[in-house]
Amino acid sequence: MALSEDRRIRKTKKAMTNALASLLLEKPLKNISVREIAELADINRGTFYLHYRDVYDMVEQLQNEIFEKFNDIVDSHHITGTFRPKHGTDELFPMLVELFNLLSENAGLAKVLIGKNGDAAFVDKLKQIIREKCFADIQKIFNITDNTEFNYFYHYIVSGCIGICSSWLITGMKETPPEMAALTEKLILNGVKILN
């Protein structure tokens, strides 16, 4: 019984998330009501309130879930491996594949959060996590000692990666996550070569 309940809860939450994402494509968060989400998700408002206090709480919880999954992926691929000139590190490509899979699984919401009308605070927090969890290791692996240059490199690459993800989502994710991971890895590694 618990398994079918869990499945129903996941299905309901997914419907609410898709409804929110659709509404965010049309208007800003402050103009979205619980009633609109409930109607679009084909649930009653009481069901919404079983999971969230209000629309802002819903967005915060969804963002936190994405950050948690993002952190888990990055932590499981701590970039400390041996650098291979043609292929980068052993961990970078698999990590990028998992990150693109995460984007794909949360495409509707991710599209609006990192898109042109997205949530600046969400993008800033994402950039901060990337810097803390990935770029410190990249700086060590590639023995980059000029912090000023590396700082510019970090901003250039992170903004570019977010742009790549946004473009991929907006254009319908025609490429697979491994294809996008390979392209992103190539761009990151070519950027690193300039600093060496």
N, C-alpha and C. Protein backbone atom coordinates (compact mmCIF):
# COMPACT_ATOMS: atom_id res chain seq x y z
N MET A 1 0.82 -1.20 0.00
CA MET A 1 0.00 0.00 0.00
C MET A 1 0.86 1.26 0.00
N ALA A 2 1.95 1.26 0.78
CA ALA A 2 2.80 2.44 0.88
C ALA A 2 3.45 2.77 -0.47
N LEU A 3 3.80 1.73 -1.23
CA LEU A 3 4.43 1.94 -2.53
C LEU A 3 3.50 2.67 -3.49
N SER A 4 2.22 2.25 -3.52
CA SER A 4 1.27 2.92 -4.41
C SER A 4 0.98 4.34 -3.92
N GLU A 5 1.00 4.55 -2.59
CA GLU A 5 0.83 5.90 -2.04
C GLU A 5 1.99 6.79 -2.48
N ASP A 6 3.22 6.28 -2.35
CA ASP A 6 4.39 7.03 -2.77
C ASP A 6 4.31 7.39 -4.25
N ARG A 7 3.87 6.44 -5.05
CA ARG A 7 3.74 6.66 -6.49
C ARG A 7 2.71 7.76 -6.77
N ARG A 8 1.59 7.72 -6.04
CA ARG A 8 0.55 8.75 -6.21
C ARG A 8 1.08 10.12 -5.80
N ILE A 9 1.80 10.17 -4.69
CA ILE A 9 2.36 11.45 -4.22
C ILE A 9 3.34 12.00 -5.26
N ARG A 10 4.22 11.13 -5.78
CA ARG A 10 5.18 11.57 -6.81
C ARG A 10 4.45 12.09 -8.04
N LYS A 11 3.41 11.37 -8.45
CA LYS A 11 2.63 11.77 -9.62
C LYS A 11 1.94 13.13 -9.39
N THR A 12 1.38 13.32 -8.21
CA THR A 12 0.72 14.58 -7.87
C THR A 12 1.73 15.73 -7.84
N LYS A 13 2.87 15.49 -7.20
CA LYS A 13 3.90 16.54 -7.13
C LYS A 13 4.43 16.88 -8.52
N LYS A 14 4.59 15.88 -9.36
CA LYS A 14 5.06 16.10 -10.73
C LYS A 14 4.04 16.95 -11.50
N ALA A 15 2.75 16.65 -11.32
CA ALA A 15 1.70 17.43 -11.99
C ALA A 15 1.72 18.88 -11.52
N MET A 16 1.93 19.08 -10.21
CA MET A 16 1.99 20.45 -9.68
C MET A 16 3.24 21.18 -10.20
N THR A 17 4.36 20.47 -10.27
CA THR A 17 5.60 21.07 -10.77
C THR A 17 5.45 21.47 -12.23
N ASN A 18 4.85 20.59 -13.03
CA ASN A 18 4.63 20.91 -14.45
C ASN A 18 3.69 22.09 -14.61
N ALA A 19 2.67 22.15 -13.75
CA ALA A 19 1.73 23.28 -13.79
C ALA A 19 2.45 24.58 -13.46
N LEU A 20 3.26 24.55 -12.41
CA LEU A 20 4.03 25.74 -12.03
C LEU A 20 4.96 26.18 -13.15
N ALA A 21 5.68 25.23 -13.75
CA ALA A 21 6.60 25.55 -14.84
C ALA A 21 5.86 26.19 -16.01
N SER A 22 4.70 25.64 -16.36
CA SER A 22 3.90 26.21 -17.47
C SER A 22 3.48 27.64 -17.15
N LEU A 23 3.05 27.86 -15.93
CA LEU A 23 2.61 29.20 -15.54
C LEU A 23 3.78 30.19 -15.51
N LEU A 24 4.96 29.72 -15.09
CA LEU A 24 6.14 30.60 -15.04
C LEU A 24 6.60 31.02 -16.43
N LEU A 25 6.24 30.25 -17.43
CA LEU A 25 6.56 30.65 -18.81
C LEU A 25 5.70 31.82 -19.25
N GLU A 26 4.54 31.97 -18.62
CA GLU A 26 3.59 33.01 -19.01
C GLU A 26 3.69 34.28 -18.18
N LYS A 27 4.05 34.13 -16.88
CA LYS A 27 4.03 35.30 -16.00
C LYS A 27 4.97 35.10 -14.81
N PRO A 28 5.28 36.20 -14.10
CA PRO A 28 6.19 36.09 -12.95
C PRO A 28 5.56 35.35 -11.78
N LEU A 29 6.41 34.84 -10.92
CA LEU A 29 5.99 34.04 -9.77
C LEU A 29 4.98 34.79 -8.90
N LYS A 30 5.19 36.07 -8.69
CA LYS A 30 4.31 36.83 -7.79
C LYS A 30 2.86 36.88 -8.28
N ASN A 31 2.64 36.60 -9.56
CA ASN A 31 1.29 36.64 -10.13
C ASN A 31 0.64 35.25 -10.25
N ILE A 32 1.30 34.23 -9.71
CA ILE A 32 0.77 32.86 -9.80
C ILE A 32 0.08 32.50 -8.50
N SER A 33 -1.11 31.94 -8.61
CA SER A 33 -1.87 31.58 -7.41
C SER A 33 -1.93 30.06 -7.24
N VAL A 34 -2.21 29.66 -6.01
CA VAL A 34 -2.40 28.23 -5.71
C VAL A 34 -3.56 27.69 -6.54
N ARG A 35 -4.61 28.48 -6.68
CA ARG A 35 -5.79 28.06 -7.45
C ARG A 35 -5.39 27.70 -8.89
N GLU A 36 -4.54 28.54 -9.51
CA GLU A 36 -4.11 28.28 -10.90
C GLU A 36 -3.31 26.98 -11.00
N ILE A 37 -2.41 26.79 -10.05
CA ILE A 37 -1.60 25.57 -10.06
C ILE A 37 -2.50 24.35 -9.88
N ALA A 38 -3.43 24.43 -8.92
CA ALA A 38 -4.34 23.31 -8.65
C ALA A 38 -5.19 22.99 -9.88
N GLU A 39 -5.73 24.02 -10.52
CA GLU A 39 -6.56 23.78 -11.71
C GLU A 39 -5.77 23.14 -12.83
N LEU A 40 -4.58 23.67 -13.08
CA LEU A 40 -3.76 23.15 -14.17
C LEU A 40 -3.27 21.72 -13.88
N ALA A 41 -3.01 21.44 -12.60
CA ALA A 41 -2.54 20.10 -12.20
C ALA A 41 -3.70 19.12 -12.00
N ASP A 42 -4.93 19.63 -12.11
CA ASP A 42 -6.13 18.82 -11.93
C ASP A 42 -6.19 18.19 -10.54
N ILE A 43 -5.94 19.04 -9.54
CA ILE A 43 -6.04 18.62 -8.13
C ILE A 43 -6.87 19.68 -7.41
N ASN A 44 -7.28 19.39 -6.18
CA ASN A 44 -7.95 20.44 -5.42
C ASN A 44 -6.92 21.20 -4.59
N ARG A 45 -7.30 22.38 -4.14
CA ARG A 45 -6.35 23.22 -3.40
C ARG A 45 -5.90 22.57 -2.11
N GLY A 46 -6.77 21.77 -1.49
CA GLY A 46 -6.40 21.07 -0.27
C GLY A 46 -5.22 20.14 -0.49
N THR A 47 -5.17 19.50 -1.65
CA THR A 47 -4.04 18.61 -1.98
C THR A 47 -2.75 19.42 -2.08
N PHE A 48 -2.84 20.60 -2.68
CA PHE A 48 -1.65 21.48 -2.76
C PHE A 48 -1.13 21.75 -1.35
N TYR A 49 -2.05 22.12 -0.44
CA TYR A 49 -1.64 22.51 0.92
C TYR A 49 -1.16 21.34 1.77
N LEU A 50 -1.38 20.12 1.32
CA LEU A 50 -0.78 18.96 2.00
C LEU A 50 0.73 18.95 1.82
N HIS A 51 1.21 19.57 0.74
CA HIS A 51 2.63 19.52 0.40
C HIS A 51 3.36 20.85 0.58
N TYR A 52 2.66 21.97 0.37
CA TYR A 52 3.31 23.28 0.40
C TYR A 52 2.44 24.31 1.13
N ARG A 53 3.11 25.28 1.77
CA ARG A 53 2.38 26.37 2.45
C ARG A 53 1.77 27.34 1.46
N ASP A 54 2.55 27.65 0.41
CA ASP A 54 2.11 28.59 -0.62
C ASP A 54 2.99 28.39 -1.86
N VAL A 55 2.82 29.22 -2.86
CA VAL A 55 3.57 29.07 -4.12
C VAL A 55 5.07 29.28 -3.88
N TYR A 56 5.42 30.24 -3.03
CA TYR A 56 6.84 30.51 -2.76
C TYR A 56 7.50 29.34 -2.04
N ASP A 57 6.77 28.72 -1.12
CA ASP A 57 7.28 27.54 -0.43
C ASP A 57 7.50 26.40 -1.43
N MET A 58 6.58 26.26 -2.37
CA MET A 58 6.71 25.23 -3.39
C MET A 58 7.99 25.44 -4.20
N VAL A 59 8.20 26.68 -4.66
CA VAL A 59 9.40 26.98 -5.46
C VAL A 59 10.66 26.71 -4.64
N GLU A 60 10.66 27.14 -3.39
CA GLU A 60 11.84 26.93 -2.54
C GLU A 60 12.13 25.45 -2.34
N GLN A 61 11.08 24.66 -2.07
CA GLN A 61 11.29 23.22 -1.89
C GLN A 61 11.80 22.55 -3.17
N LEU A 62 11.24 22.95 -4.32
CA LEU A 62 11.67 22.37 -5.59
C LEU A 62 13.12 22.72 -5.89
N GLN A 63 13.49 23.98 -5.63
CA GLN A 63 14.88 24.39 -5.84
C GLN A 63 15.81 23.63 -4.92
N ASN A 64 15.42 23.48 -3.65
CA ASN A 64 16.25 22.74 -2.70
C ASN A 64 16.43 21.29 -3.12
N GLU A 65 15.38 20.67 -3.66
CA GLU A 65 15.50 19.29 -4.14
C GLU A 65 16.50 19.19 -5.29
N ILE A 66 16.44 20.17 -6.20
CA ILE A 66 17.39 20.17 -7.32
C ILE A 66 18.81 20.38 -6.82
N PHE A 67 19.00 21.33 -5.90
CA PHE A 67 20.34 21.57 -5.35
C PHE A 67 20.87 20.34 -4.63
N GLU A 68 20.01 19.65 -3.91
CA GLU A 68 20.43 18.45 -3.19
C GLU A 68 20.90 17.37 -4.17
N LYS A 69 20.12 17.15 -5.23
CA LYS A 69 20.51 16.16 -6.24
C LYS A 69 21.79 16.59 -6.95
N PHE A 70 21.89 17.88 -7.26
CA PHE A 70 23.08 18.43 -7.91
C PHE A 70 24.31 18.19 -7.03
N ASN A 71 24.20 18.51 -5.73
CA ASN A 71 25.30 18.29 -4.79
C ASN A 71 25.68 16.82 -4.71
N ASP A 72 24.69 15.94 -4.66
CA ASP A 72 24.98 14.51 -4.58
C ASP A 72 25.78 14.03 -5.79
N ILE A 73 25.39 14.53 -6.97
CA ILE A 73 26.11 14.15 -8.20
C ILE A 73 27.54 14.65 -8.14
N VAL A 74 27.71 15.92 -7.83
CA VAL A 74 29.05 16.50 -7.80
C VAL A 74 29.91 15.82 -6.74
N ASP A 75 29.34 15.58 -5.56
CA ASP A 75 30.11 14.93 -4.49
C ASP A 75 30.52 13.51 -4.86
N SER A 76 29.68 12.81 -5.63
CA SER A 76 30.02 11.43 -5.99
C SER A 76 31.06 11.36 -7.11
N HIS A 77 31.36 12.52 -7.72
CA HIS A 77 32.37 12.58 -8.78
C HIS A 77 33.43 13.61 -8.45
N HIS A 78 33.88 13.61 -7.22
CA HIS A 78 34.88 14.59 -6.80
C HIS A 78 36.05 14.55 -7.78
N ILE A 79 36.34 15.67 -8.41
CA ILE A 79 37.31 15.71 -9.52
C ILE A 79 38.73 15.72 -8.97
N THR A 80 39.28 14.54 -8.74
CA THR A 80 40.64 14.44 -8.23
C THR A 80 41.49 13.49 -9.06
N GLY A 81 40.94 13.02 -10.14
CA GLY A 81 41.62 12.00 -10.96
C GLY A 81 42.80 12.54 -11.73
N THR A 82 43.45 11.66 -12.45
CA THR A 82 44.60 12.00 -13.26
C THR A 82 44.13 12.71 -14.52
N PHE A 83 44.81 13.78 -14.87
CA PHE A 83 44.46 14.51 -16.08
C PHE A 83 45.03 13.80 -17.29
N ARG A 84 44.18 13.62 -18.29
CA ARG A 84 44.62 13.05 -19.56
C ARG A 84 44.36 14.12 -20.63
N PRO A 85 45.38 14.60 -21.32
CA PRO A 85 45.22 15.74 -22.22
C PRO A 85 44.05 15.65 -23.19
N LYS A 86 43.79 14.48 -23.74
CA LYS A 86 42.72 14.38 -24.74
C LYS A 86 41.35 14.24 -24.09
N HIS A 87 41.29 13.68 -22.89
CA HIS A 87 40.00 13.33 -22.28
C HIS A 87 39.71 14.05 -20.97
N GLY A 88 40.59 14.93 -20.52
CA GLY A 88 40.33 15.62 -19.26
C GLY A 88 40.59 14.70 -18.08
N THR A 89 39.70 14.71 -17.11
CA THR A 89 39.86 13.83 -15.96
C THR A 89 38.89 12.66 -16.11
N ASP A 90 39.14 11.62 -15.34
CA ASP A 90 38.26 10.45 -15.39
C ASP A 90 36.85 10.78 -14.89
N GLU A 91 36.72 11.81 -14.03
CA GLU A 91 35.45 12.10 -13.38
C GLU A 91 34.62 13.17 -14.09
N LEU A 92 35.21 14.05 -14.87
CA LEU A 92 34.48 15.19 -15.42
C LEU A 92 33.35 14.76 -16.36
N PHE A 93 33.64 13.90 -17.33
CA PHE A 93 32.62 13.49 -18.30
C PHE A 93 31.45 12.76 -17.63
N PRO A 94 31.70 11.72 -16.79
CA PRO A 94 30.57 11.04 -16.14
C PRO A 94 29.74 11.99 -15.28
N MET A 95 30.39 12.92 -14.60
CA MET A 95 29.67 13.88 -13.78
C MET A 95 28.77 14.75 -14.65
N LEU A 96 29.30 15.22 -15.78
CA LEU A 96 28.50 16.06 -16.68
C LEU A 96 27.31 15.29 -17.26
N VAL A 97 27.51 14.02 -17.57
CA VAL A 97 26.39 13.20 -18.07
C VAL A 97 25.28 13.15 -17.02
N GLU A 98 25.64 12.91 -15.77
CA GLU A 98 24.63 12.84 -14.72
C GLU A 98 23.94 14.19 -14.53
N LEU A 99 24.70 15.28 -14.64
CA LEU A 99 24.10 16.61 -14.49
C LEU A 99 23.12 16.90 -15.63
N PHE A 100 23.47 16.50 -16.85
CA PHE A 100 22.54 16.70 -17.97
C PHE A 100 21.32 15.78 -17.82
N ASN A 101 21.50 14.59 -17.26
CA ASN A 101 20.35 13.73 -16.97
C ASN A 101 19.42 14.39 -15.95
N LEU A 102 20.01 15.00 -14.93
CA LEU A 102 19.21 15.72 -13.93
C LEU A 102 18.42 16.85 -14.58
N LEU A 103 19.07 17.59 -15.46
CA LEU A 103 18.37 18.65 -16.18
C LEU A 103 17.21 18.09 -17.00
N SER A 104 17.48 16.99 -17.68
CA SER A 104 16.47 16.36 -18.52
C SER A 104 15.26 15.91 -17.69
N GLU A 105 15.52 15.32 -16.53
CA GLU A 105 14.45 14.83 -15.66
C GLU A 105 13.61 15.98 -15.08
N ASN A 106 14.20 17.17 -14.99
CA ASN A 106 13.52 18.34 -14.42
C ASN A 106 13.40 19.45 -15.46
N ALA A 107 13.24 19.05 -16.72
CA ALA A 107 13.33 20.00 -17.84
C ALA A 107 12.37 21.18 -17.74
N GLY A 108 11.12 20.91 -17.43
CA GLY A 108 10.13 21.99 -17.38
C GLY A 108 10.51 23.07 -16.40
N LEU A 109 10.84 22.66 -15.18
CA LEU A 109 11.21 23.62 -14.15
C LEU A 109 12.57 24.24 -14.42
N ALA A 110 13.54 23.41 -14.83
CA ALA A 110 14.89 23.92 -15.10
C ALA A 110 14.87 24.98 -16.19
N LYS A 111 14.04 24.77 -17.20
CA LYS A 111 13.95 25.72 -18.32
C LYS A 111 13.59 27.12 -17.82
N VAL A 112 12.63 27.20 -16.91
CA VAL A 112 12.23 28.52 -16.43
C VAL A 112 13.18 29.06 -15.36
N LEU A 113 13.82 28.19 -14.58
CA LEU A 113 14.71 28.67 -13.53
C LEU A 113 16.01 29.24 -14.07
N ILE A 114 16.54 28.64 -15.15
CA ILE A 114 17.81 29.14 -15.69
C ILE A 114 17.64 29.88 -17.00
N GLY A 115 16.40 30.01 -17.49
CA GLY A 115 16.14 30.70 -18.75
C GLY A 115 16.26 32.21 -18.60
N LYS A 116 15.95 32.94 -19.67
CA LYS A 116 16.15 34.39 -19.69
C LYS A 116 15.30 35.12 -18.67
N ASN A 117 14.14 34.57 -18.31
CA ASN A 117 13.31 35.17 -17.26
C ASN A 117 13.41 34.38 -15.96
N GLY A 118 14.51 33.67 -15.80
CA GLY A 118 14.66 32.77 -14.66
C GLY A 118 14.89 33.47 -13.34
N ASP A 119 15.16 32.66 -12.34
CA ASP A 119 15.37 33.12 -10.98
C ASP A 119 16.86 33.40 -10.78
N ALA A 120 17.22 34.69 -10.66
CA ALA A 120 18.63 35.08 -10.52
C ALA A 120 19.25 34.47 -9.27
N ALA A 121 18.49 34.39 -8.18
CA ALA A 121 19.02 33.82 -6.94
C ALA A 121 19.34 32.33 -7.13
N PHE A 122 18.50 31.62 -7.87
CA PHE A 122 18.74 30.20 -8.15
C PHE A 122 20.04 30.04 -8.95
N VAL A 123 20.19 30.85 -9.99
CA VAL A 123 21.38 30.77 -10.84
C VAL A 123 22.63 31.13 -10.04
N ASP A 124 22.55 32.15 -9.19
CA ASP A 124 23.70 32.55 -8.36
C ASP A 124 24.10 31.42 -7.41
N LYS A 125 23.11 30.77 -6.80
CA LYS A 125 23.42 29.67 -5.88
C LYS A 125 24.04 28.51 -6.65
N LEU A 126 23.54 28.24 -7.84
CA LEU A 126 24.10 27.19 -8.69
C LEU A 126 25.57 27.49 -9.02
N LYS A 127 25.84 28.74 -9.39
CA LYS A 127 27.22 29.14 -9.69
C LYS A 127 28.13 28.98 -8.47
N GLN A 128 27.61 29.33 -7.31
CA GLN A 128 28.40 29.22 -6.07
C GLN A 128 28.75 27.77 -5.78
N ILE A 129 27.78 26.87 -5.95
CA ILE A 129 28.03 25.44 -5.72
C ILE A 129 29.08 24.93 -6.71
N ILE A 130 28.96 25.33 -7.98
CA ILE A 130 29.92 24.89 -9.00
C ILE A 130 31.33 25.36 -8.63
N ARG A 131 31.44 26.60 -8.19
CA ARG A 131 32.76 27.13 -7.83
C ARG A 131 33.35 26.35 -6.66
N GLU A 132 32.55 26.16 -5.62
CA GLU A 132 33.04 25.50 -4.41
C GLU A 132 33.35 24.02 -4.64
N LYS A 133 32.51 23.35 -5.42
CA LYS A 133 32.64 21.90 -5.53
C LYS A 133 33.46 21.43 -6.72
N CYS A 134 33.54 22.24 -7.79
CA CYS A 134 34.21 21.77 -9.00
C CYS A 134 35.48 22.55 -9.31
N PHE A 135 35.38 23.86 -9.27
CA PHE A 135 36.47 24.65 -9.81
C PHE A 135 37.71 24.69 -8.93
N ALA A 136 37.56 24.50 -7.63
CA ALA A 136 38.75 24.42 -6.78
C ALA A 136 39.59 23.21 -7.19
N ASP A 137 38.92 22.09 -7.49
CA ASP A 137 39.63 20.89 -7.94
C ASP A 137 40.27 21.10 -9.31
N ILE A 138 39.54 21.74 -10.21
CA ILE A 138 40.08 21.99 -11.56
C ILE A 138 41.33 22.86 -11.47
N GLN A 139 41.30 23.87 -10.60
CA GLN A 139 42.47 24.75 -10.43
C GLN A 139 43.68 23.95 -9.96
N LYS A 140 43.48 23.00 -9.04
CA LYS A 140 44.59 22.17 -8.54
C LYS A 140 45.09 21.21 -9.61
N ILE A 141 44.15 20.52 -10.27
CA ILE A 141 44.54 19.52 -11.26
C ILE A 141 45.38 20.14 -12.37
N PHE A 142 44.97 21.32 -12.83
CA PHE A 142 45.67 21.96 -13.94
C PHE A 142 46.77 22.91 -13.49
N ASN A 143 47.01 22.95 -12.16
CA ASN A 143 48.09 23.76 -11.59
C ASN A 143 48.02 25.21 -12.08
N ILE A 144 46.84 25.80 -11.96
CA ILE A 144 46.64 27.19 -12.37
C ILE A 144 46.92 28.07 -11.16
N THR A 145 47.96 28.89 -11.27
CA THR A 145 48.39 29.68 -10.13
C THR A 145 47.93 31.13 -10.17
N ASP A 146 47.57 31.64 -11.33
CA ASP A 146 47.12 33.02 -11.44
C ASP A 146 45.63 33.10 -11.08
N ASN A 147 45.35 33.56 -9.87
CA ASN A 147 43.97 33.60 -9.39
C ASN A 147 43.11 34.58 -10.17
N THR A 148 43.68 35.67 -10.64
CA THR A 148 42.90 36.65 -11.40
C THR A 148 42.43 36.03 -12.70
N GLU A 149 43.35 35.41 -13.43
CA GLU A 149 42.97 34.76 -14.69
C GLU A 149 41.97 33.64 -14.44
N PHE A 150 42.22 32.86 -13.38
CA PHE A 150 41.33 31.75 -13.09
C PHE A 150 39.93 32.25 -12.74
N ASN A 151 39.84 33.36 -12.04
CA ASN A 151 38.54 33.93 -11.68
C ASN A 151 37.76 34.30 -12.94
N TYR A 152 38.44 34.93 -13.91
CA TYR A 152 37.78 35.26 -15.18
C TYR A 152 37.38 33.99 -15.93
N PHE A 153 38.26 33.00 -15.92
CA PHE A 153 37.97 31.72 -16.57
C PHE A 153 36.73 31.09 -15.96
N TYR A 154 36.67 31.07 -14.62
CA TYR A 154 35.52 30.50 -13.92
C TYR A 154 34.21 31.17 -14.36
N HIS A 155 34.18 32.51 -14.34
CA HIS A 155 32.96 33.23 -14.72
C HIS A 155 32.60 32.96 -16.19
N TYR A 156 33.60 32.92 -17.03
CA TYR A 156 33.39 32.67 -18.46
C TYR A 156 32.79 31.28 -18.67
N ILE A 157 33.41 30.27 -18.07
CA ILE A 157 32.97 28.89 -18.26
C ILE A 157 31.59 28.65 -17.62
N VAL A 158 31.38 29.13 -16.40
CA VAL A 158 30.11 28.87 -15.73
C VAL A 158 28.96 29.54 -16.46
N SER A 159 29.16 30.79 -16.88
CA SER A 159 28.10 31.48 -17.64
C SER A 159 27.85 30.75 -18.96
N GLY A 160 28.92 30.29 -19.59
CA GLY A 160 28.78 29.54 -20.83
C GLY A 160 28.04 28.22 -20.63
N CYS A 161 28.37 27.51 -19.55
CA CYS A 161 27.71 26.22 -19.26
C CYS A 161 26.22 26.42 -18.99
N ILE A 162 25.90 27.46 -18.24
CA ILE A 162 24.49 27.73 -17.97
C ILE A 162 23.77 28.11 -19.27
N GLY A 163 24.46 28.86 -20.12
CA GLY A 163 23.89 29.20 -21.43
C GLY A 163 23.67 27.97 -22.29
N ILE A 164 24.62 27.04 -22.27
CA ILE A 164 24.49 25.78 -23.02
C ILE A 164 23.28 25.00 -22.51
N CYS A 165 23.16 24.89 -21.20
CA CYS A 165 22.04 24.14 -20.61
C CYS A 165 20.71 24.79 -20.97
N SER A 166 20.65 26.10 -20.85
CA SER A 166 19.42 26.82 -21.17
C SER A 166 19.04 26.63 -22.63
N SER A 167 20.01 26.77 -23.52
CA SER A 167 19.76 26.61 -24.95
C SER A 167 19.30 25.19 -25.27
N TRP A 168 19.92 24.20 -24.65
CA TRP A 168 19.55 22.80 -24.85
C TRP A 168 18.12 22.55 -24.43
N LEU A 169 17.74 23.09 -23.29
CA LEU A 169 16.37 22.92 -22.79
C LEU A 169 15.36 23.62 -23.69
N ILE A 170 15.67 24.85 -24.09
CA ILE A 170 14.74 25.65 -24.90
C ILE A 170 14.54 25.04 -26.29
N THR A 171 15.60 24.45 -26.85
CA THR A 171 15.49 23.90 -28.20
C THR A 171 14.98 22.46 -28.22
N GLY A 172 14.54 21.96 -27.08
CA GLY A 172 13.88 20.65 -27.06
C GLY A 172 14.78 19.47 -26.78
N MET A 173 15.99 19.70 -26.29
CA MET A 173 16.89 18.61 -25.89
C MET A 173 17.07 17.55 -26.98
N LYS A 174 17.41 18.01 -28.17
CA LYS A 174 17.58 17.09 -29.30
C LYS A 174 18.79 16.17 -29.12
N GLU A 175 19.83 16.71 -28.48
CA GLU A 175 21.02 15.89 -28.22
C GLU A 175 20.82 15.12 -26.92
N THR A 176 21.50 14.00 -26.80
CA THR A 176 21.41 13.19 -25.58
C THR A 176 22.27 13.82 -24.49
N PRO A 177 22.02 13.49 -23.22
CA PRO A 177 22.91 13.97 -22.16
C PRO A 177 24.39 13.64 -22.39
N PRO A 178 24.74 12.41 -22.85
CA PRO A 178 26.16 12.16 -23.12
C PRO A 178 26.73 13.06 -24.23
N GLU A 179 25.94 13.36 -25.25
CA GLU A 179 26.42 14.26 -26.31
C GLU A 179 26.66 15.67 -25.77
N MET A 180 25.75 16.13 -24.93
CA MET A 180 25.90 17.46 -24.34
C MET A 180 27.07 17.49 -23.36
N ALA A 181 27.26 16.39 -22.62
CA ALA A 181 28.38 16.30 -21.68
C ALA A 181 29.71 16.35 -22.42
N ALA A 182 29.79 15.66 -23.56
CA ALA A 182 31.03 15.65 -24.35
C ALA A 182 31.35 17.05 -24.88
N LEU A 183 30.34 17.75 -25.37
CA LEU A 183 30.53 19.11 -25.87
C LEU A 183 30.96 20.04 -24.74
N THR A 184 30.30 19.96 -23.61
CA THR A 184 30.61 20.83 -22.47
C THR A 184 32.02 20.56 -21.95
N GLU A 185 32.37 19.27 -21.84
CA GLU A 185 33.72 18.91 -21.39
C GLU A 185 34.77 19.49 -22.34
N LYS A 186 34.52 19.37 -23.63
CA LYS A 186 35.48 19.88 -24.62
C LYS A 186 35.67 21.39 -24.46
N LEU A 187 34.58 22.11 -24.27
CA LEU A 187 34.67 23.57 -24.11
C LEU A 187 35.41 23.95 -22.83
N ILE A 188 35.13 23.22 -21.74
CA ILE A 188 35.83 23.50 -20.48
C ILE A 188 37.33 23.24 -20.63
N LEU A 189 37.67 22.09 -21.20
CA LEU A 189 39.09 21.73 -21.33
C LEU A 189 39.84 22.65 -22.27
N ASN A 190 39.19 23.09 -23.36
CA ASN A 190 39.84 24.04 -24.27
C ASN A 190 40.09 25.37 -23.56
N GLY A 191 39.17 25.76 -22.69
CA GLY A 191 39.37 26.98 -21.90
C GLY A 191 40.52 26.84 -20.95
N VAL A 192 40.67 25.66 -20.33
CA VAL A 192 41.75 25.43 -19.39
C VAL A 192 43.10 25.50 -20.09
N LYS A 193 43.17 24.98 -21.33
CA LYS A 193 44.44 24.97 -22.07
C LYS A 193 44.99 26.39 -22.26
N ILE A 194 44.10 27.35 -22.42
CA ILE A 194 44.52 28.73 -22.63
C ILE A 194 45.25 29.26 -21.40
N LEU A 195 44.84 28.79 -20.20
CA LEU A 195 45.46 29.27 -18.97
C LEU A 195 46.79 28.61 -18.67
N ASN A 196 47.09 27.49 -19.30
CA ASN A 196 48.35 26.77 -19.02
C ASN A 196 49.51 27.30 -19.83
